[in-house]
Amino acid sequence: MQHDVRDTSPVVERPLYTAREMHRKQTCSVSGSTLPAYDLDPTTRQLLEENEDMLYRINVLTRELEAAKDEVQVLKTTVAEKNKELDTMREKLEGANMTAWDASGRVINYKAECERLNAENKTLTENYQKVCSELEQRTEGIRQDMERLRVDSARKSMTQSVEQFCSEVLSVFSSVYLIVTTLERCAVDVANRERALENVQKEFSTLRRYTDSVRRIRVDENGRVNDVLSAACKKERIQSPGDALILIRWMVAEGLLSGMRAVEKNLQSLASLLASGGKATGGIEENVASSLATGTVGRLFKRPPK
């Protein structure tokens, strides 16, 4: 529907050439055209600018529409040509033979062969889907079995570690108990001088033998001792029960060696005193040496307060 916009347009209310020209400055609109500048009110100027913009847009759309029409016409022509080619191919196929012969002379029916291949393809697809389903089920079963085996292995490993730790602690305990019992018998009665020196020498020999045993307890894991001691000095976390066992072995062995070295020195001093003969001060020195040895061993194996 068309409307006569000149009846209501603000441009019509004022004659175009009756208004007095203010300045002959040329202005450029959006479309690039130049218009003389007149004394127009803002509403009229805005309407003129909008009208100029709409005209420019209409021209652009018109050009695009013409180009699109040309493209549509080309496409229609192409479609018509392809349809003609398709009709020609259909006519040729309708008159073609449905059978042929292979190199061996066997007659091949195209339609039957195509149906056979389609049936085989369908069968292969069904078999493939069935195999994939079975494979997924087996994979899920294997994954669950591996998860159970992993949990069982972790529990078994933890149980074995605890059992090994307890076994090692018991072996260390038996050695420590034997050495402690021997140390308790190192007290020498000097009332009988003739047998005192013999007892001291015998206990001294026994003490040396057990000192070697304690050293073996300490160096069983010599390759890891330095690393474990370094981590313990830094107050780092113990990595495994084996490291805890190494640390316990080292502490027990070092405590025993310290006490046994002190007892060894006391026995050496006591043997020297007994071998020197019966001087007037000998009895006093023997009592002092015996007290020192007893006090040292007592401090070493004294139970900590609860």
Protein backbone atom coordinates (compact mmCIF):
# COMPACT_ATOMS: atom_id res chain seq x y z
CA MET A 1 0.00 0.00 0.00
CA GLN A 2 1.34 3.44 -0.90
CA HIS A 3 0.76 6.57 1.14
CA ASP A 4 1.11 10.16 0.09
CA VAL A 5 3.73 11.25 2.61
CA ARG A 6 3.89 14.80 1.22
CA ASP A 7 0.65 15.74 3.03
CA THR A 8 2.08 15.11 6.50
CA SER A 9 5.83 15.62 5.97
CA PRO A 10 7.38 18.64 7.73
CA VAL A 11 9.28 19.33 4.54
CA VAL A 12 6.06 20.31 2.77
CA GLU A 13 5.12 22.84 5.43
CA ARG A 14 7.98 25.09 4.39
CA PRO A 15 8.63 25.80 0.69
CA LEU A 16 12.00 24.65 -0.41
CA TYR A 17 13.12 27.88 -2.14
CA THR A 18 11.17 30.53 -0.16
CA ALA A 19 13.31 30.33 3.00
CA ARG A 20 16.19 32.73 3.12
CA GLU A 21 19.55 31.09 2.54
CA MET A 22 21.85 31.45 5.52
CA HIS A 23 25.18 30.15 4.34
CA ARG A 24 26.09 28.29 1.22
CA LYS A 25 28.07 25.62 3.12
CA GLN A 26 27.98 22.23 1.50
CA THR A 27 27.27 19.25 3.79
CA CYS A 28 27.81 15.61 3.00
CA SER A 29 25.18 13.01 3.92
CA VAL A 30 25.65 9.32 4.58
CA SER A 31 25.13 8.47 0.92
CA GLY A 32 27.86 10.86 -0.14
CA SER A 33 25.57 13.47 -1.78
CA THR A 34 26.07 17.16 -1.04
CA LEU A 35 23.19 19.29 0.14
CA PRO A 36 23.09 23.04 0.71
CA ALA A 37 22.61 24.05 4.32
CA TYR A 38 19.40 26.03 4.91
CA ASP A 39 17.85 27.44 8.02
CA LEU A 40 15.89 24.32 8.99
CA ASP A 41 14.45 23.41 12.31
CA PRO A 42 15.91 20.31 14.02
CA THR A 43 12.91 18.13 13.27
CA THR A 44 13.05 18.85 9.57
CA ARG A 45 16.80 18.33 9.46
CA GLN A 46 16.44 14.97 11.24
CA LEU A 47 13.71 13.87 8.82
CA LEU A 48 15.85 14.82 5.86
CA GLU A 49 18.81 12.87 7.20
CA GLU A 50 16.65 9.82 7.91
CA ASN A 51 15.14 10.04 4.42
CA GLU A 52 18.61 10.25 2.89
CA ASP A 53 19.73 7.20 4.89
CA MET A 54 16.68 5.20 3.83
CA LEU A 55 17.22 6.04 0.18
CA TYR A 56 20.84 4.94 0.42
CA ARG A 57 19.83 1.68 2.11
CA ILE A 58 17.12 1.05 -0.51
CA ASN A 59 19.66 1.46 -3.29
CA VAL A 60 22.05 -1.00 -1.61
CA LEU A 61 19.29 -3.57 -1.09
CA THR A 62 18.12 -3.14 -4.66
CA ARG A 63 21.59 -3.90 -6.00
CA GLU A 64 21.87 -6.94 -3.74
CA LEU A 65 18.43 -8.15 -4.87
CA GLU A 66 19.40 -7.89 -8.52
CA ALA A 67 22.60 -9.82 -7.87
CA ALA A 68 20.66 -12.50 -5.98
CA LYS A 69 18.16 -12.79 -8.84
CA ASP A 70 21.02 -13.37 -11.25
CA GLU A 71 22.47 -16.09 -9.02
CA VAL A 72 19.05 -17.76 -8.67
CA GLN A 73 18.63 -17.75 -12.42
CA VAL A 74 22.05 -19.37 -12.87
CA LEU A 75 21.19 -22.02 -10.28
CA LYS A 76 17.86 -22.75 -11.96
CA THR A 77 19.64 -23.23 -15.26
CA THR A 78 22.17 -25.58 -13.64
CA VAL A 79 19.42 -27.62 -11.95
CA ALA A 80 17.56 -27.96 -15.23
CA GLU A 81 20.72 -29.21 -16.97
CA LYS A 82 21.41 -31.74 -14.20
CA ASN A 83 17.82 -32.98 -14.36
CA LYS A 84 18.22 -33.56 -18.06
CA GLU A 85 21.43 -35.51 -17.48
CA LEU A 86 19.71 -37.56 -14.77
CA ASP A 87 16.81 -38.41 -17.06
CA THR A 88 19.26 -39.46 -19.75
CA MET A 89 21.14 -41.74 -17.32
CA ARG A 90 17.87 -43.31 -16.16
CA GLU A 91 16.91 -44.10 -19.73
CA LYS A 92 20.29 -45.71 -20.33
CA LEU A 93 20.08 -47.78 -17.13
CA GLU A 94 16.59 -49.02 -17.91
CA GLY A 95 17.85 -50.47 -21.17
CA ALA A 96 21.08 -51.95 -19.72
CA ASN A 97 21.60 -55.65 -19.15
CA MET A 98 21.08 -56.95 -15.59
CA THR A 99 23.64 -59.72 -16.05
CA ALA A 100 27.30 -59.99 -17.00
CA TRP A 101 30.07 -62.57 -17.14
CA ASP A 102 33.25 -62.62 -15.08
CA ALA A 103 36.67 -63.80 -16.28
CA SER A 104 35.80 -67.45 -15.60
CA GLY A 105 32.62 -67.25 -17.64
CA ARG A 106 30.28 -67.29 -14.66
CA VAL A 107 27.10 -65.27 -15.12
CA ILE A 108 26.77 -62.42 -12.62
CA ASN A 109 23.39 -60.96 -11.84
CA TYR A 110 23.88 -57.40 -10.60
CA LYS A 111 20.69 -57.28 -8.58
CA ALA A 112 21.19 -60.65 -6.90
CA GLU A 113 24.85 -59.84 -6.21
CA CYS A 114 23.91 -56.53 -4.65
CA GLU A 115 21.31 -58.18 -2.43
CA ARG A 116 23.84 -60.82 -1.39
CA LEU A 117 26.44 -58.19 -0.50
CA ASN A 118 23.86 -56.22 1.48
CA ALA A 119 22.88 -59.33 3.44
CA GLU A 120 26.53 -60.15 4.18
CA ASN A 121 27.17 -56.58 5.23
CA LYS A 122 24.19 -56.69 7.59
CA THR A 123 25.40 -59.98 9.09
CA LEU A 124 28.91 -58.60 9.56
CA THR A 125 27.49 -55.50 11.24
CA GLU A 126 25.45 -57.59 13.67
CA ASN A 127 28.44 -59.80 14.46
CA TYR A 128 30.62 -56.74 14.98
CA GLN A 129 28.14 -55.23 17.43
CA LYS A 130 27.89 -58.54 19.28
CA VAL A 131 31.69 -58.86 19.54
CA CYS A 132 31.97 -55.25 20.74
CA SER A 133 29.37 -55.89 23.44
CA GLU A 134 31.16 -59.04 24.62
CA LEU A 135 34.49 -57.22 24.59
CA GLU A 136 33.09 -54.40 26.70
CA GLN A 137 31.68 -56.90 29.20
CA ARG A 138 35.00 -58.74 29.44
CA THR A 139 36.90 -55.49 29.78
CA GLU A 140 34.66 -54.41 32.64
CA GLY A 141 35.10 -57.80 34.31
CA ILE A 142 38.89 -57.59 33.97
CA ARG A 143 38.86 -54.08 35.39
CA GLN A 144 36.85 -55.19 38.42
CA ASP A 145 39.14 -58.21 38.92
CA MET A 146 42.21 -55.98 38.75
CA GLU A 147 40.67 -53.63 41.29
CA ARG A 148 40.00 -56.51 43.67
CA LEU A 149 43.50 -57.90 43.13
CA ARG A 150 44.98 -54.47 43.79
CA VAL A 151 43.08 -54.16 47.07
CA ASP A 152 43.98 -57.73 48.12
CA SER A 153 47.62 -57.16 47.19
CA ALA A 154 47.74 -53.97 49.24
CA ARG A 155 46.22 -55.74 52.25
CA LYS A 156 48.57 -58.69 51.84
CA SER A 157 51.58 -56.41 51.50
CA MET A 158 50.58 -54.51 54.63
CA THR A 159 50.08 -57.77 56.53
CA GLN A 160 53.46 -59.07 55.40
CA SER A 161 55.13 -55.81 56.39
CA VAL A 162 53.59 -55.95 59.86
CA GLU A 163 54.55 -59.61 60.26
CA GLN A 164 58.10 -58.92 59.11
CA PHE A 165 58.35 -55.96 61.47
CA CYS A 166 57.14 -58.02 64.43
CA SER A 167 59.50 -60.87 63.52
CA GLU A 168 62.47 -58.52 63.33
CA VAL A 169 61.54 -56.88 66.61
CA LEU A 170 61.38 -60.32 68.27
CA SER A 171 64.80 -61.23 66.86
CA VAL A 172 66.27 -57.98 68.14
CA PHE A 173 64.57 -58.54 71.49
CA SER A 174 66.15 -61.97 71.90
CA SER A 175 69.60 -60.57 71.14
CA VAL A 176 69.12 -57.62 73.48
CA TYR A 177 67.78 -59.86 76.24
CA LEU A 178 70.81 -62.16 75.99
CA ILE A 179 73.23 -59.22 76.05
CA VAL A 180 71.47 -57.55 78.98
CA THR A 181 71.62 -60.82 80.92
CA THR A 182 75.33 -61.04 80.21
CA LEU A 183 75.90 -57.45 81.30
CA GLU A 184 74.14 -58.13 84.58
CA ARG A 185 76.67 -60.92 85.26
CA CYS A 186 79.62 -58.61 84.67
CA ALA A 187 79.62 -57.56 88.32
CA VAL A 188 82.78 -59.10 89.81
CA ASP A 189 83.16 -60.12 93.44
CA VAL A 190 86.60 -58.92 94.55
CA ALA A 191 86.47 -60.70 97.91
CA ASN A 192 88.36 -63.63 96.40
CA ARG A 193 91.25 -62.01 94.54
CA GLU A 194 92.49 -65.22 93.04
CA ARG A 195 89.24 -65.88 91.16
CA ALA A 196 88.34 -62.22 90.63
CA LEU A 197 90.94 -61.67 87.93
CA GLU A 198 89.89 -64.89 86.21
CA ASN A 199 86.23 -63.88 86.30
CA VAL A 200 87.03 -60.41 84.99
CA GLN A 201 89.01 -61.81 82.08
CA LYS A 202 86.26 -64.30 81.24
CA GLU A 203 83.52 -61.68 81.38
CA PHE A 204 85.72 -59.34 79.37
CA SER A 205 86.03 -61.95 76.61
CA THR A 206 82.28 -62.60 76.67
CA LEU A 207 81.59 -58.89 76.49
CA ARG A 208 83.80 -58.51 73.42
CA ARG A 209 81.94 -61.35 71.70
CA TYR A 210 78.56 -59.77 72.34
CA THR A 211 79.89 -56.39 71.25
CA ASP A 212 80.57 -57.91 67.83
CA SER A 213 77.00 -59.27 67.80
CA VAL A 214 75.62 -55.83 68.53
CA ARG A 215 77.68 -54.34 65.71
CA ARG A 216 76.19 -56.91 63.33
CA ILE A 217 72.71 -55.90 64.45
CA ARG A 218 73.54 -52.32 63.63
CA VAL A 219 75.08 -52.82 60.17
CA ASP A 220 72.62 -55.33 58.68
CA GLU A 221 71.04 -52.52 56.66
CA ASN A 222 74.13 -50.35 56.36
CA GLY A 223 73.17 -49.21 52.88
CA ARG A 224 70.06 -47.47 54.21
CA VAL A 225 71.22 -46.45 57.68
CA ASN A 226 72.62 -43.07 56.66
CA ASP A 227 69.51 -42.13 54.67
CA VAL A 228 67.16 -43.18 57.47
CA LEU A 229 69.20 -41.36 60.13
CA SER A 230 69.33 -38.22 57.98
CA ALA A 231 65.53 -38.28 57.54
CA ALA A 232 65.05 -38.89 61.28
CA CYS A 233 67.30 -35.95 62.17
CA LYS A 234 65.19 -33.75 59.88
CA LYS A 235 62.03 -35.13 61.56
CA GLU A 236 60.73 -36.35 58.22
CA ARG A 237 58.06 -39.02 57.84
CA ILE A 238 59.23 -42.65 58.01
CA GLN A 239 58.57 -44.11 54.57
CA SER A 240 58.12 -47.81 55.37
CA PRO A 241 58.15 -50.37 58.22
CA GLY A 242 61.60 -51.43 57.01
CA ASP A 243 62.95 -47.93 57.65
CA ALA A 244 61.33 -47.93 61.09
CA LEU A 245 63.01 -51.27 61.81
CA ILE A 246 66.39 -49.91 60.72
CA LEU A 247 65.94 -46.93 63.04
CA ILE A 248 64.97 -49.18 65.96
CA ARG A 249 67.94 -51.48 65.29
CA TRP A 250 70.30 -48.51 65.22
CA MET A 251 68.95 -47.04 68.48
CA VAL A 252 69.12 -50.38 70.30
CA ALA A 253 72.57 -51.18 68.96
CA GLU A 254 73.98 -47.75 69.75
CA GLY A 255 72.57 -47.86 73.27
CA LEU A 256 74.01 -51.31 73.88
CA LEU A 257 77.38 -50.41 72.37
CA SER A 258 77.66 -47.29 74.49
CA GLY A 259 76.92 -49.24 77.67
CA MET A 260 79.14 -52.14 76.70
CA ARG A 261 82.07 -49.87 75.87
CA ALA A 262 81.71 -48.28 79.28
CA VAL A 263 81.56 -51.70 80.96
CA GLU A 264 84.54 -52.84 78.90
CA LYS A 265 86.62 -49.92 80.13
CA ASN A 266 85.56 -50.60 83.70
CA LEU A 267 86.54 -54.26 83.36
CA GLN A 268 89.90 -53.26 81.92
CA SER A 269 90.48 -50.92 84.84
CA LEU A 270 89.38 -53.59 87.29
CA ALA A 271 91.67 -56.18 85.68
CA SER A 272 94.59 -53.79 85.93
CA LEU A 273 93.85 -53.15 89.58
CA LEU A 274 93.59 -56.85 90.38
CA ALA A 275 96.77 -57.68 88.48
CA SER A 276 98.79 -54.96 90.19
CA GLY A 277 98.82 -56.82 93.51
CA GLY A 278 97.41 -56.10 96.93
CA LYS A 279 98.34 -52.56 97.77
CA ALA A 280 96.83 -50.70 100.67
CA THR A 281 94.71 -48.54 98.40
CA GLY A 282 93.77 -51.36 96.10
CA GLY A 283 90.59 -52.22 97.91
CA ILE A 284 89.31 -48.68 97.75
CA GLU A 285 90.07 -48.33 94.00
CA GLU A 286 88.38 -51.66 93.29
CA ASN A 287 85.25 -50.55 95.11
CA VAL A 288 85.22 -47.27 93.19
CA ALA A 289 85.68 -49.05 89.82
CA SER A 290 82.94 -51.55 90.66
CA SER A 291 80.56 -48.74 91.65
CA LEU A 292 81.27 -46.90 88.42
CA ALA A 293 80.62 -49.99 86.30
CA THR A 294 77.39 -50.82 88.13
CA GLY A 295 76.14 -47.23 87.87
CA THR A 296 76.91 -47.03 84.15
CA VAL A 297 75.11 -50.25 83.29
CA GLY A 298 72.21 -49.34 85.55
CA ARG A 299 71.72 -46.00 83.81
CA LEU A 300 71.88 -47.68 80.38
CA PHE A 301 69.16 -50.25 81.03
CA LYS A 302 67.05 -48.29 83.46
CA ARG A 303 63.38 -48.41 82.44
CA PRO A 304 61.89 -45.05 81.51
CA PRO A 305 59.23 -43.70 83.88
CA LYS A 306 55.64 -44.37 82.87
